[in-house]
Amino acid sequence: MKDLLLSVVIPTYNRKESLKRVLEAFNYQSISFDEFEVVVVDDGSLDGTQKLLDQLKSELKYSLRNFYQQHKGPSAARNLGIKEAKGEIILFLGDDIVPHKNLIEEHLKMHKDLPENIAVLGLVEWPPEVKKTPLMEYLDNGVQFSYSRLKGKTKADFNCFWTANISVKKSFLLKHGVFDEEFCYPAHEDTELGYRLIKRGLEILYNPYAIGYHYHYVTLKSYIQKHIYIGRAIVKFSRKYPELPPHPDMKEVKKIFYWKYIKLPIAIGILPFAYIFKIKKILFICYNVVLNYYKLKGISMELKSKNL
């Protein structure tokens, strides 16, 4: 049996159906099934995820190992996955990111003969058969990922340490740090680790041929919650790394009233008409106002929680 080269680590929480699609897709990878494993960490799901994982084990051609923890957030789930992984390389993947058949092969190609301090960032894009909604197009403009700024480049900075599709050697993680579990929301927990690791010598190389397809029906409601998390994470990040902007303070709390009672109602009022008449420029402005308000709300919540 060959050495186990790579472990795919997938944290999951109440996404049984998308996880099933992801795991089944690994049956069609272009490399030998004894060269990789998939480690799923169920972060306290209540939707029957554990039952699904037990059923799938007999259907999959590769090694699937799964672990369960009480709901602690993606940082803790990935840390458990790192601990249990048997591969030399850890590939972090989202539970809604369906791998292209060459995904693992492309990550391994980049790691071959390269030093321990190299991470490989793969590309995440919407599935080719899915028609993008205006919100999905808006998210492509750097709101969700900023792959457009990497076009023609081979290196990325810490802001691109996106755990939807990135690989790093396990030995480097164990030497220099894993996820900070204080970042308990799915927001900035990966870029925080990226910043910490880059200060310890990590380099991120970009491989646009290591593709994962984002099978996730996004709604404005789901991104409102995400932006609350982002706001809270910004405060945590700023406290931990005062040398980096932004530096939110109590002045941000005062701004929220202007946003809530003036800008937000206007944007919400315009949104339906902009959607009906397909005026993308106005739609994008409205999305921006709505999501920035909720990010500001998250900042306010986190600042107030610490009595600052």
C-alpha atoms as a PDB file:
ATOM      1  CA  MET A   1       0.000   0.000   0.000  1.00  0.00           C
ATOM      2  CA  LYS A   2       1.277   3.454  -0.880  1.00  0.00           C
ATOM      3  CA  ASP A   3       1.959   6.081   1.748  1.00  0.00           C
ATOM      4  CA  LEU A   4      -1.082   8.181   2.518  1.00  0.00           C
ATOM      5  CA  LEU A   5      -0.278  11.461   0.827  1.00  0.00           C
ATOM      6  CA  LEU A   6      -3.251  13.651   1.600  1.00  0.00           C
ATOM      7  CA  SER A   7      -6.157  14.010   4.019  1.00  0.00           C
ATOM      8  CA  VAL A   8      -9.177  16.065   3.010  1.00  0.00           C
ATOM      9  CA  VAL A   9     -10.561  17.710   6.160  1.00  0.00           C
ATOM     10  CA  ILE A  10     -14.196  18.809   5.967  1.00  0.00           C
ATOM     11  CA  PRO A  11     -16.014  20.404   8.909  1.00  0.00           C
ATOM     12  CA  THR A  12     -19.784  20.231   8.586  1.00  0.00           C
ATOM     13  CA  TYR A  13     -22.847  21.535  10.383  1.00  0.00           C
ATOM     14  CA  ASN A  14     -26.421  20.756   9.291  1.00  0.00           C
ATOM     15  CA  ARG A  15     -25.630  20.428   5.590  1.00  0.00           C
ATOM     16  CA  LYS A  16     -26.402  16.769   5.023  1.00  0.00           C
ATOM     17  CA  GLU A  17     -27.497  17.048   1.397  1.00  0.00           C
ATOM     18  CA  SER A  18     -24.601  19.173   0.155  1.00  0.00           C
ATOM     19  CA  LEU A  19     -22.135  17.019   2.116  1.00  0.00           C
ATOM     20  CA  LYS A  20     -23.485  13.903   0.403  1.00  0.00           C
ATOM     21  CA  ARG A  21     -22.841  15.431  -3.026  1.00  0.00           C
ATOM     22  CA  VAL A  22     -19.302  16.373  -2.005  1.00  0.00           C
ATOM     23  CA  LEU A  23     -18.411  12.939  -0.633  1.00  0.00           C
ATOM     24  CA  GLU A  24     -19.842  11.055  -3.612  1.00  0.00           C
ATOM     25  CA  ALA A  25     -17.766  13.203  -5.977  1.00  0.00           C
ATOM     26  CA  PHE A  26     -14.542  11.931  -4.397  1.00  0.00           C
ATOM     27  CA  ASN A  27     -15.342   8.526  -5.943  1.00  0.00           C
ATOM     28  CA  TYR A  28     -14.182   9.985  -9.264  1.00  0.00           C
ATOM     29  CA  GLN A  29     -10.796  11.444  -8.374  1.00  0.00           C
ATOM     30  CA  SER A  30      -8.017  10.960 -10.927  1.00  0.00           C
ATOM     31  CA  ILE A  31      -5.519   9.526  -8.432  1.00  0.00           C
ATOM     32  CA  SER A  32      -5.423   6.168  -6.673  1.00  0.00           C
ATOM     33  CA  PHE A  33      -7.911   5.812  -3.813  1.00  0.00           C
ATOM     34  CA  ASP A  34      -5.190   4.593  -1.463  1.00  0.00           C
ATOM     35  CA  GLU A  35      -3.319   7.905  -1.761  1.00  0.00           C
ATOM     36  CA  PHE A  36      -5.907   9.997   0.062  1.00  0.00           C
ATOM     37  CA  GLU A  37      -8.577   9.878   2.744  1.00  0.00           C
ATOM     38  CA  VAL A  38     -11.481  12.123   3.678  1.00  0.00           C
ATOM     39  CA  VAL A  39     -11.949  13.157   7.309  1.00  0.00           C
ATOM     40  CA  VAL A  40     -15.341  14.670   8.139  1.00  0.00           C
ATOM     41  CA  VAL A  41     -15.884  16.376  11.483  1.00  0.00           C
ATOM     42  CA  ASP A  42     -19.546  16.797  12.354  1.00  0.00           C
ATOM     43  CA  ASP A  43     -19.821  19.926  14.472  1.00  0.00           C
ATOM     44  CA  GLY A  44     -22.948  18.877  16.359  1.00  0.00           C
ATOM     45  CA  SER A  45     -25.350  18.571  13.413  1.00  0.00           C
ATOM     46  CA  LEU A  46     -29.020  17.908  14.126  1.00  0.00           C
ATOM     47  CA  ASP A  47     -30.116  16.932  10.610  1.00  0.00           C
ATOM     48  CA  GLY A  48     -29.073  13.265  10.480  1.00  0.00           C
ATOM     49  CA  THR A  49     -25.533  13.855   9.249  1.00  0.00           C
ATOM     50  CA  GLN A  50     -24.131  11.022  11.361  1.00  0.00           C
ATOM     51  CA  LYS A  51     -26.630   8.527   9.926  1.00  0.00           C
ATOM     52  CA  LEU A  52     -25.734   9.645   6.403  1.00  0.00           C
ATOM     53  CA  LEU A  53     -22.008   9.171   7.057  1.00  0.00           C
ATOM     54  CA  ASP A  54     -22.576   5.657   8.376  1.00  0.00           C
ATOM     55  CA  GLN A  55     -24.598   4.778   5.265  1.00  0.00           C
ATOM     56  CA  LEU A  56     -22.072   6.225   2.822  1.00  0.00           C
ATOM     57  CA  LYS A  57     -19.078   4.304   4.119  1.00  0.00           C
ATOM     58  CA  SER A  58     -20.170   1.131   2.335  1.00  0.00           C
ATOM     59  CA  GLU A  59     -20.737   2.992  -0.943  1.00  0.00           C
ATOM     60  CA  LEU A  60     -17.503   4.975  -1.218  1.00  0.00           C
ATOM     61  CA  LYS A  61     -14.345   3.701  -2.914  1.00  0.00           C
ATOM     62  CA  TYR A  62     -11.955   5.624  -0.680  1.00  0.00           C
ATOM     63  CA  SER A  63     -11.353   5.794   3.059  1.00  0.00           C
ATOM     64  CA  LEU A  64     -13.876   7.992   4.867  1.00  0.00           C
ATOM     65  CA  ARG A  65     -13.423   8.583   8.578  1.00  0.00           C
ATOM     66  CA  ASN A  66     -15.783  10.741  10.565  1.00  0.00           C
ATOM     67  CA  PHE A  67     -15.759  12.299  14.016  1.00  0.00           C
ATOM     68  CA  TYR A  68     -18.379  14.063  16.086  1.00  0.00           C
ATOM     69  CA  GLN A  69     -18.114  16.970  18.504  1.00  0.00           C
ATOM     70  CA  GLN A  70     -20.567  19.204  20.316  1.00  0.00           C
ATOM     71  CA  HIS A  71     -21.229  22.400  18.384  1.00  0.00           C
ATOM     72  CA  LYS A  72     -18.098  24.540  18.799  1.00  0.00           C
ATOM     73  CA  GLY A  73     -17.668  26.108  15.367  1.00  0.00           C
ATOM     74  CA  PRO A  74     -15.489  25.423  12.309  1.00  0.00           C
ATOM     75  CA  SER A  75     -12.168  26.258  13.981  1.00  0.00           C
ATOM     76  CA  ALA A  76     -12.555  23.531  16.601  1.00  0.00           C
ATOM     77  CA  ALA A  77     -13.870  21.100  13.981  1.00  0.00           C
ATOM     78  CA  ARG A  78     -10.871  21.645  11.692  1.00  0.00           C
ATOM     79  CA  ASN A  79      -8.465  21.307  14.619  1.00  0.00           C
ATOM     80  CA  LEU A  80      -9.954  17.905  15.421  1.00  0.00           C
ATOM     81  CA  GLY A  81      -9.620  16.985  11.745  1.00  0.00           C
ATOM     82  CA  ILE A  82      -5.959  18.026  11.717  1.00  0.00           C
ATOM     83  CA  LYS A  83      -5.300  15.935  14.815  1.00  0.00           C
ATOM     84  CA  GLU A  84      -6.933  12.827  13.347  1.00  0.00           C
ATOM     85  CA  ALA A  85      -5.638  13.185   9.768  1.00  0.00           C
ATOM     86  CA  LYS A  86      -3.172  10.520   8.615  1.00  0.00           C
ATOM     87  CA  GLY A  87      -1.971  12.258   5.461  1.00  0.00           C
ATOM     88  CA  GLU A  88       1.220  14.273   5.032  1.00  0.00           C
ATOM     89  CA  ILE A  89      -0.806  17.090   3.468  1.00  0.00           C
ATOM     90  CA  ILE A  90      -4.074  18.542   4.775  1.00  0.00           C
ATOM     91  CA  LEU A  91      -6.553  19.776   2.181  1.00  0.00           C
ATOM     92  CA  PHE A  92      -9.220  21.944   3.806  1.00  0.00           C
ATOM     93  CA  LEU A  93     -12.475  21.845   1.880  1.00  0.00           C
ATOM     94  CA  GLY A  94     -15.957  23.216   2.499  1.00  0.00           C
ATOM     95  CA  ASP A  95     -18.908  20.886   2.970  1.00  0.00           C
ATOM     96  CA  ASP A  96     -20.529  22.509  -0.073  1.00  0.00           C
ATOM     97  CA  ILE A  97     -17.469  22.424  -2.353  1.00  0.00           C
ATOM     98  CA  VAL A  98     -17.726  19.582  -4.882  1.00  0.00           C
ATOM     99  CA  PRO A  99     -14.281  18.534  -6.108  1.00  0.00           C
ATOM    100  CA  HIS A 100     -13.347  18.454  -9.777  1.00  0.00           C
ATOM    101  CA  LYS A 101     -11.960  15.020 -10.633  1.00  0.00           C
ATOM    102  CA  ASN A 102      -8.406  16.443 -10.745  1.00  0.00           C
ATOM    103  CA  LEU A 103      -8.630  18.403  -7.494  1.00  0.00           C
ATOM    104  CA  ILE A 104      -6.388  16.225  -5.333  1.00  0.00           C
ATOM    105  CA  GLU A 105      -3.962  15.516  -8.185  1.00  0.00           C
ATOM    106  CA  GLU A 106      -3.518  19.257  -8.781  1.00  0.00           C
ATOM    107  CA  HIS A 107      -2.843  19.949  -5.103  1.00  0.00           C
ATOM    108  CA  LEU A 108      -0.307  17.117  -4.943  1.00  0.00           C
ATOM    109  CA  LYS A 109       1.452  18.310  -8.115  1.00  0.00           C
ATOM    110  CA  MET A 110       2.083  21.670  -6.516  1.00  0.00           C
ATOM    111  CA  HIS A 111       3.348  20.203  -3.255  1.00  0.00           C
ATOM    112  CA  LYS A 112       5.712  17.735  -4.915  1.00  0.00           C
ATOM    113  CA  ASP A 113       9.357  18.650  -4.257  1.00  0.00           C
ATOM    114  CA  LEU A 114       8.355  21.943  -2.617  1.00  0.00           C
ATOM    115  CA  PRO A 115       9.391  22.796   0.962  1.00  0.00           C
ATOM    116  CA  GLU A 116       7.273  22.399   4.064  1.00  0.00           C
ATOM    117  CA  ASN A 117       6.273  26.077   4.204  1.00  0.00           C
ATOM    118  CA  ILE A 118       4.184  26.012   0.990  1.00  0.00           C
ATOM    119  CA  ALA A 119       0.376  26.137   0.998  1.00  0.00           C
ATOM    120  CA  VAL A 120      -1.613  25.641  -2.210  1.00  0.00           C
ATOM    121  CA  LEU A 121      -4.767  27.633  -2.829  1.00  0.00           C
ATOM    122  CA  GLY A 122      -7.244  26.130  -5.269  1.00  0.00           C
ATOM    123  CA  LEU A 123     -10.003  27.853  -7.210  1.00  0.00           C
ATOM    124  CA  VAL A 124     -13.634  27.926  -6.053  1.00  0.00           C
ATOM    125  CA  GLU A 125     -16.274  28.772  -8.626  1.00  0.00           C
ATOM    126  CA  TRP A 126     -19.985  28.290  -9.175  1.00  0.00           C
ATOM    127  CA  PRO A 127     -20.932  25.069 -11.001  1.00  0.00           C
ATOM    128  CA  PRO A 128     -20.983  25.630 -14.793  1.00  0.00           C
ATOM    129  CA  GLU A 129     -24.539  24.294 -15.117  1.00  0.00           C
ATOM    130  CA  VAL A 130     -25.952  26.686 -12.499  1.00  0.00           C
ATOM    131  CA  LYS A 131     -27.372  29.995 -13.683  1.00  0.00           C
ATOM    132  CA  LYS A 132     -26.037  32.717 -11.424  1.00  0.00           C
ATOM    133  CA  THR A 133     -28.486  34.942  -9.605  1.00  0.00           C
ATOM    134  CA  PRO A 134     -27.765  38.676  -9.193  1.00  0.00           C
ATOM    135  CA  LEU A 135     -26.734  37.978  -5.591  1.00  0.00           C
ATOM    136  CA  MET A 136     -24.245  35.331  -6.757  1.00  0.00           C
ATOM    137  CA  GLU A 137     -22.810  37.814  -9.274  1.00  0.00           C
ATOM    138  CA  TYR A 138     -22.533  40.408  -6.508  1.00  0.00           C
ATOM    139  CA  LEU A 139     -20.667  37.939  -4.296  1.00  0.00           C
ATOM    140  CA  ASP A 140     -18.215  37.312  -7.139  1.00  0.00           C
ATOM    141  CA  ASN A 141     -17.083  40.936  -6.867  1.00  0.00           C
ATOM    142  CA  GLY A 142     -14.797  40.187  -3.940  1.00  0.00           C
ATOM    143  CA  VAL A 143     -17.525  39.828  -1.300  1.00  0.00           C
ATOM    144  CA  GLN A 144     -17.199  36.063  -0.898  1.00  0.00           C
ATOM    145  CA  PHE A 145     -13.836  35.277  -2.498  1.00  0.00           C
ATOM    146  CA  SER A 146     -11.537  37.583  -4.464  1.00  0.00           C
ATOM    147  CA  TYR A 147     -10.178  35.268  -7.132  1.00  0.00           C
ATOM    148  CA  SER A 148     -10.354  38.044  -9.726  1.00  0.00           C
ATOM    149  CA  ARG A 149      -7.421  39.775  -8.055  1.00  0.00           C
ATOM    150  CA  LEU A 150      -5.344  36.598  -8.419  1.00  0.00           C
ATOM    151  CA  LYS A 151      -5.721  36.386 -12.199  1.00  0.00           C
ATOM    152  CA  GLY A 152      -2.281  35.954 -13.748  1.00  0.00           C
ATOM    153  CA  LYS A 153      -0.617  35.621 -10.332  1.00  0.00           C
ATOM    154  CA  THR A 154       1.060  32.647  -8.706  1.00  0.00           C
ATOM    155  CA  LYS A 155       1.272  33.911  -5.126  1.00  0.00           C
ATOM    156  CA  ALA A 156      -1.408  35.051  -2.683  1.00  0.00           C
ATOM    157  CA  ASP A 157      -1.374  36.884   0.645  1.00  0.00           C
ATOM    158  CA  PHE A 158      -2.836  35.843   3.997  1.00  0.00           C
ATOM    159  CA  ASN A 159      -6.263  37.257   3.090  1.00  0.00           C
ATOM    160  CA  CYS A 160      -6.507  34.405   0.582  1.00  0.00           C
ATOM    161  CA  PHE A 161      -6.054  31.591   3.103  1.00  0.00           C
ATOM    162  CA  TRP A 162      -9.543  30.348   2.234  1.00  0.00           C
ATOM    163  CA  THR A 163     -10.390  26.989   3.760  1.00  0.00           C
ATOM    164  CA  ALA A 164     -12.984  26.313   1.075  1.00  0.00           C
ATOM    165  CA  ASN A 165     -10.079  24.880  -0.968  1.00  0.00           C
ATOM    166  CA  ILE A 166      -6.528  25.147   0.374  1.00  0.00           C
ATOM    167  CA  SER A 167      -3.845  22.614   1.289  1.00  0.00           C
ATOM    168  CA  VAL A 168      -0.888  22.796   3.658  1.00  0.00           C
ATOM    169  CA  LYS A 169       1.539  20.259   5.074  1.00  0.00           C
ATOM    170  CA  LYS A 170       0.444  18.825   8.400  1.00  0.00           C
ATOM    171  CA  SER A 171       3.955  19.089   9.847  1.00  0.00           C
ATOM    172  CA  PHE A 172       3.973  22.855   9.268  1.00  0.00           C
ATOM    173  CA  LEU A 173       0.612  23.253  11.016  1.00  0.00           C
ATOM    174  CA  LEU A 174       1.709  21.200  14.018  1.00  0.00           C
ATOM    175  CA  LYS A 175       4.910  23.234  14.348  1.00  0.00           C
ATOM    176  CA  HIS A 176       3.480  26.696  13.846  1.00  0.00           C
ATOM    177  CA  GLY A 177      -0.158  26.669  14.879  1.00  0.00           C
ATOM    178  CA  VAL A 178      -3.686  25.547  14.156  1.00  0.00           C
ATOM    179  CA  PHE A 179      -6.996  27.434  14.238  1.00  0.00           C
ATOM    180  CA  ASP A 180      -7.771  29.848  17.058  1.00  0.00           C
ATOM    181  CA  GLU A 181     -10.991  28.471  18.548  1.00  0.00           C
ATOM    182  CA  GLU A 182     -11.926  31.892  19.906  1.00  0.00           C
ATOM    183  CA  PHE A 183     -12.954  32.559  16.297  1.00  0.00           C
ATOM    184  CA  CYS A 184     -15.965  30.322  16.711  1.00  0.00           C
ATOM    185  CA  TYR A 185     -17.994  31.649  13.776  1.00  0.00           C
ATOM    186  CA  PRO A 186     -17.463  30.861  10.068  1.00  0.00           C
ATOM    187  CA  ALA A 187     -15.812  34.234   9.453  1.00  0.00           C
ATOM    188  CA  HIS A 188     -12.130  35.266   9.393  1.00  0.00           C
ATOM    189  CA  GLU A 189     -11.088  32.139  11.289  1.00  0.00           C
ATOM    190  CA  ASP A 190      -9.141  31.034   8.212  1.00  0.00           C
ATOM    191  CA  THR A 191      -7.523  34.368   7.346  1.00  0.00           C
ATOM    192  CA  GLU A 192      -6.499  34.748  10.997  1.00  0.00           C
ATOM    193  CA  LEU A 193      -4.611  31.466  10.758  1.00  0.00           C
ATOM    194  CA  GLY A 194      -3.204  32.535   7.390  1.00  0.00           C
ATOM    195  CA  TYR A 195      -1.777  35.727   8.880  1.00  0.00           C
ATOM    196  CA  ARG A 196      -0.257  33.842  11.797  1.00  0.00           C
ATOM    197  CA  LEU A 197       1.320  31.208   9.529  1.00  0.00           C
ATOM    198  CA  ILE A 198       2.690  33.726   7.034  1.00  0.00           C
ATOM    199  CA  LYS A 199       4.479  35.476   9.907  1.00  0.00           C
ATOM    200  CA  ARG A 200       6.117  32.093  10.509  1.00  0.00           C
ATOM    201  CA  GLY A 201       7.266  31.709   6.920  1.00  0.00           C
ATOM    202  CA  LEU A 202       4.278  30.251   5.066  1.00  0.00           C
ATOM    203  CA  GLU A 203       3.929  31.035   1.355  1.00  0.00           C
ATOM    204  CA  ILE A 204       0.638  30.586  -0.498  1.00  0.00           C
ATOM    205  CA  LEU A 205       0.843  29.486  -4.132  1.00  0.00           C
ATOM    206  CA  TYR A 206      -2.242  29.702  -6.330  1.00  0.00           C
ATOM    207  CA  ASN A 207      -3.296  26.854  -8.627  1.00  0.00           C
ATOM    208  CA  PRO A 208      -6.406  27.771 -10.666  1.00  0.00           C
ATOM    209  CA  TYR A 209      -6.586  24.196 -11.991  1.00  0.00           C
ATOM    210  CA  ALA A 210      -7.339  22.764  -8.540  1.00  0.00           C
ATOM    211  CA  ILE A 211     -11.057  23.438  -8.849  1.00  0.00           C
ATOM    212  CA  GLY A 212     -13.921  23.043  -6.420  1.00  0.00           C
ATOM    213  CA  TYR A 213     -17.507  23.867  -7.370  1.00  0.00           C
ATOM    214  CA  HIS A 214     -19.556  25.818  -4.857  1.00  0.00           C
ATOM    215  CA  TYR A 215     -22.909  24.011  -4.739  1.00  0.00           C
ATOM    216  CA  HIS A 216     -24.661  26.283  -2.297  1.00  0.00           C
ATOM    217  CA  TYR A 217     -27.894  28.112  -2.947  1.00  0.00           C
ATOM    218  CA  VAL A 218     -27.185  31.489  -1.379  1.00  0.00           C
ATOM    219  CA  THR A 219     -29.820  33.893  -0.111  1.00  0.00           C
ATOM    220  CA  LEU A 220     -29.636  37.436   1.168  1.00  0.00           C
ATOM    221  CA  LYS A 221     -30.869  36.146   4.534  1.00  0.00           C
ATOM    222  CA  SER A 222     -27.961  33.706   4.855  1.00  0.00           C
ATOM    223  CA  TYR A 223     -25.449  36.425   3.967  1.00  0.00           C
ATOM    224  CA  ILE A 224     -26.995  38.815   6.471  1.00  0.00           C
ATOM    225  CA  GLN A 225     -26.150  36.297   9.221  1.00  0.00           C
ATOM    226  CA  LYS A 226     -22.683  35.788   7.770  1.00  0.00           C
ATOM    227  CA  HIS A 227     -22.005  39.532   7.833  1.00  0.00           C
ATOM    228  CA  ILE A 228     -22.977  39.703  11.491  1.00  0.00           C
ATOM    229  CA  TYR A 229     -20.348  37.018  12.078  1.00  0.00           C
ATOM    230  CA  ILE A 230     -17.858  38.968   9.957  1.00  0.00           C
ATOM    231  CA  GLY A 231     -18.440  42.097  12.036  1.00  0.00           C
ATOM    232  CA  ARG A 232     -17.828  40.210  15.262  1.00  0.00           C
ATOM    233  CA  ALA A 233     -14.716  38.573  13.810  1.00  0.00           C
ATOM    234  CA  ILE A 234     -13.306  41.931  12.683  1.00  0.00           C
ATOM    235  CA  VAL A 235     -13.324  43.097  16.300  1.00  0.00           C
ATOM    236  CA  LYS A 236     -11.604  39.902  17.492  1.00  0.00           C
ATOM    237  CA  PHE A 237      -9.024  40.187  14.711  1.00  0.00           C
ATOM    238  CA  SER A 238      -8.331  43.845  15.508  1.00  0.00           C
ATOM    239  CA  ARG A 239      -7.794  43.101  19.187  1.00  0.00           C
ATOM    240  CA  LYS A 240      -5.402  40.285  18.406  1.00  0.00           C
ATOM    241  CA  TYR A 241      -3.455  42.134  15.707  1.00  0.00           C
ATOM    242  CA  PRO A 242      -3.541  45.878  16.456  1.00  0.00           C
ATOM    243  CA  GLU A 243      -0.881  46.427  13.787  1.00  0.00           C
ATOM    244  CA  LEU A 244      -3.454  45.668  11.080  1.00  0.00           C
ATOM    245  CA  PRO A 245      -6.496  47.695  10.024  1.00  0.00           C
ATOM    246  CA  PRO A 246      -9.405  48.004  10.550  1.00  0.00           C
ATOM    247  CA  HIS A 247      -9.628  49.169  14.163  1.00  0.00           C
ATOM    248  CA  PRO A 248     -13.332  49.356  15.030  1.00  0.00           C
ATOM    249  CA  ASP A 249     -14.224  51.287  18.170  1.00  0.00           C
ATOM    250  CA  MET A 250     -17.296  52.661  19.907  1.00  0.00           C
ATOM    251  CA  LYS A 251     -17.706  55.315  17.193  1.00  0.00           C
ATOM    252  CA  GLU A 252     -18.929  52.460  15.016  1.00  0.00           C
ATOM    253  CA  VAL A 253     -21.820  51.877  17.424  1.00  0.00           C
ATOM    254  CA  LYS A 254     -23.076  55.432  16.890  1.00  0.00           C
ATOM    255  CA  LYS A 255     -23.035  55.067  13.094  1.00  0.00           C
ATOM    256  CA  ILE A 256     -25.427  52.148  13.240  1.00  0.00           C
ATOM    257  CA  PHE A 257     -28.417  54.403  13.944  1.00  0.00           C
ATOM    258  CA  TYR A 258     -27.879  56.355  10.729  1.00  0.00           C
ATOM    259  CA  TRP A 259     -27.581  53.118   8.766  1.00  0.00           C
ATOM    260  CA  LYS A 260     -30.596  51.492  10.455  1.00  0.00           C
ATOM    261  CA  TYR A 261     -33.083  54.345  10.123  1.00  0.00           C
ATOM    262  CA  ILE A 262     -31.975  56.025   6.883  1.00  0.00           C
ATOM    263  CA  LYS A 263     -29.768  53.980   4.546  1.00  0.00           C
ATOM    264  CA  LEU A 264     -31.169  50.511   5.303  1.00  0.00           C
ATOM    265  CA  PRO A 265     -34.900  51.331   4.787  1.00  0.00           C
ATOM    266  CA  ILE A 266     -34.109  53.073   1.497  1.00  0.00           C
ATOM    267  CA  ALA A 267     -32.103  50.090   0.242  1.00  0.00           C
ATOM    268  CA  ILE A 268     -34.767  47.573   1.297  1.00  0.00           C
ATOM    269  CA  GLY A 269     -37.437  49.673  -0.377  1.00  0.00           C
ATOM    270  CA  ILE A 270     -35.556  49.862  -3.676  1.00  0.00           C
ATOM    271  CA  LEU A 271     -34.408  46.203  -3.791  1.00  0.00           C
ATOM    272  CA  PRO A 272     -37.652  44.609  -5.116  1.00  0.00           C
ATOM    273  CA  PHE A 273     -37.955  47.094  -7.973  1.00  0.00           C
ATOM    274  CA  ALA A 274     -34.278  46.766  -8.926  1.00  0.00           C
ATOM    275  CA  TYR A 275     -34.716  42.977  -8.941  1.00  0.00           C
ATOM    276  CA  ILE A 276     -37.894  43.024 -11.056  1.00  0.00           C
ATOM    277  CA  PHE A 277     -36.395  45.385 -13.633  1.00  0.00           C
ATOM    278  CA  LYS A 278     -32.968  43.649 -13.470  1.00  0.00           C
ATOM    279  CA  ILE A 279     -30.993  46.824 -12.772  1.00  0.00           C
ATOM    280  CA  LYS A 280     -27.800  45.165 -11.533  1.00  0.00           C
ATOM    281  CA  LYS A 281     -25.931  48.330 -10.629  1.00  0.00           C
ATOM    282  CA  ILE A 282     -28.745  49.419  -8.280  1.00  0.00           C
ATOM    283  CA  LEU A 283     -29.132  45.865  -6.946  1.00  0.00           C
ATOM    284  CA  PHE A 284     -25.438  45.697  -6.079  1.00  0.00           C
ATOM    285  CA  ILE A 285     -25.605  49.052  -4.285  1.00  0.00           C
ATOM    286  CA  CYS A 286     -28.593  47.840  -2.265  1.00  0.00           C
ATOM    287  CA  TYR A 287     -26.904  44.533  -1.410  1.00  0.00           C
ATOM    288  CA  ASN A 288     -23.862  46.492  -0.299  1.00  0.00           C
ATOM    289  CA  VAL A 289     -25.890  48.753   2.000  1.00  0.00           C
ATOM    290  CA  VAL A 290     -27.825  45.873   3.566  1.00  0.00           C
ATOM    291  CA  LEU A 291     -24.784  43.672   4.194  1.00  0.00           C
ATOM    292  CA  ASN A 292     -22.607  46.528   5.446  1.00  0.00           C
ATOM    293  CA  TYR A 293     -25.322  47.455   7.941  1.00  0.00           C
ATOM    294  CA  TYR A 294     -25.350  43.930   9.358  1.00  0.00           C
ATOM    295  CA  LYS A 295     -21.556  43.821   9.444  1.00  0.00           C
ATOM    296  CA  LEU A 296     -21.693  47.050  11.432  1.00  0.00           C
ATOM    297  CA  LYS A 297     -24.282  45.442  13.693  1.00  0.00           C
ATOM    298  CA  GLY A 298     -21.895  42.540  14.321  1.00  0.00           C
ATOM    299  CA  ILE A 299     -19.106  44.999  15.178  1.00  0.00           C
ATOM    300  CA  SER A 300     -21.425  46.752  17.624  1.00  0.00           C
ATOM    301  CA  MET A 301     -22.508  43.483  19.223  1.00  0.00           C
ATOM    302  CA  GLU A 302     -18.928  42.335  19.772  1.00  0.00           C
ATOM    303  CA  LEU A 303     -17.752  45.695  21.124  1.00  0.00           C
ATOM    304  CA  LYS A 304     -20.677  45.891  23.543  1.00  0.00           C
ATOM    305  CA  SER A 305     -20.155  42.308  24.673  1.00  0.00           C
ATOM    306  CA  LYS A 306     -16.716  43.285  25.954  1.00  0.00           C
ATOM    307  CA  ASN A 307     -17.937  46.544  27.529  1.00  0.00           C
ATOM    308  CA  LEU A 308     -15.638  48.652  25.391  1.00  0.00           C
END
